[in-house]
Structures are given as structure tokens and as C-alpha cells.
Amino acid sequence: MPGCIATGHSMDQVRTRMLEAIELHLSSMRLDGDPIPVPSSFADMLEVA
């Protein structure tokens, strides 16, 4: 979801915080009358030397 991020010390913490961030983000979008984006997904990996 563009503009929605979360960080944490563990993957479990990141997942919990991401769920909270998405819920808050969608709630704010609804209050502002912004359109809710169509669900989609993508993934990518980078190798840093």
C-alpha cells in the first residue's frame, strides 16, 4: 500500500505493526474520501555487496 510502512525488531513485530499501519491507513483514506486502492502484490529482492 503506497505510503504505508512498518518496522520492528523481529518479523512477528513487523507483521503486527504492518497490520496496524494498514488499518490506520485505510481508515484515514476513508475519512478523507480517498479511493481505496485495488488489492495487488509484488515482491523483489536485492543483494547488497
Protein backbone atom coordinates (compact mmCIF):
# COMPACT_ATOMS: atom_id res chain seq x y z
CA MET A 1 0.00 0.00 0.00
CA PRO A 2 1.74 3.18 -1.14
CA GLY A 3 2.84 5.36 1.75
CA CYS A 4 2.27 2.68 4.39
CA ILE A 5 5.35 1.32 6.19
CA ALA A 6 6.24 -0.53 9.38
CA THR A 7 9.46 -1.56 11.11
CA GLY A 8 10.31 -3.82 14.03
CA HIS A 9 12.96 -5.85 15.80
CA SER A 10 11.50 -9.18 14.59
CA MET A 11 9.35 -10.41 11.72
CA ASP A 12 6.47 -11.01 14.15
CA GLN A 13 6.70 -7.42 15.35
CA VAL A 14 6.83 -6.12 11.77
CA ARG A 15 3.74 -8.18 10.83
CA THR A 16 1.81 -6.89 13.85
CA ARG A 17 2.81 -3.30 13.19
CA MET A 18 2.10 -3.64 9.45
CA LEU A 19 -1.45 -4.83 10.15
CA GLU A 20 -1.96 -1.85 12.46
CA ALA A 21 -0.45 0.52 9.88
CA ILE A 22 -2.70 -0.79 7.09
CA GLU A 23 -5.82 -0.50 9.25
CA LEU A 24 -4.93 3.08 10.21
CA HIS A 25 -4.02 3.99 6.63
CA LEU A 26 -7.32 2.66 5.24
CA SER A 27 -9.30 4.37 7.99
CA SER A 28 -7.62 7.69 7.19
CA MET A 29 -8.28 7.23 3.47
CA ARG A 30 -11.96 6.57 4.15
CA LEU A 31 -12.25 9.66 6.38
CA ASP A 32 -10.56 11.81 3.72
CA GLY A 33 -12.81 10.39 0.97
CA ASP A 34 -9.82 8.97 -0.91
CA PRO A 35 -10.40 5.92 -3.12
CA ILE A 36 -9.24 2.62 -1.63
CA PRO A 37 -6.64 1.04 -3.95
CA VAL A 38 -7.39 -2.25 -5.68
CA PRO A 39 -5.55 -5.11 -3.93
CA SER A 40 -2.35 -6.17 -5.65
CA SER A 41 1.04 -7.51 -4.68
CA PHE A 42 4.61 -7.76 -5.89
CA ALA A 43 7.92 -8.81 -4.43
CA ASP A 44 11.55 -8.12 -5.21
CA MET A 45 14.93 -8.90 -3.68
CA LEU A 46 18.20 -7.02 -3.80
CA GLU A 47 21.67 -8.22 -2.98
CA VAL A 48 23.86 -5.60 -1.34
CA ALA A 49 27.59 -6.10 -1.54
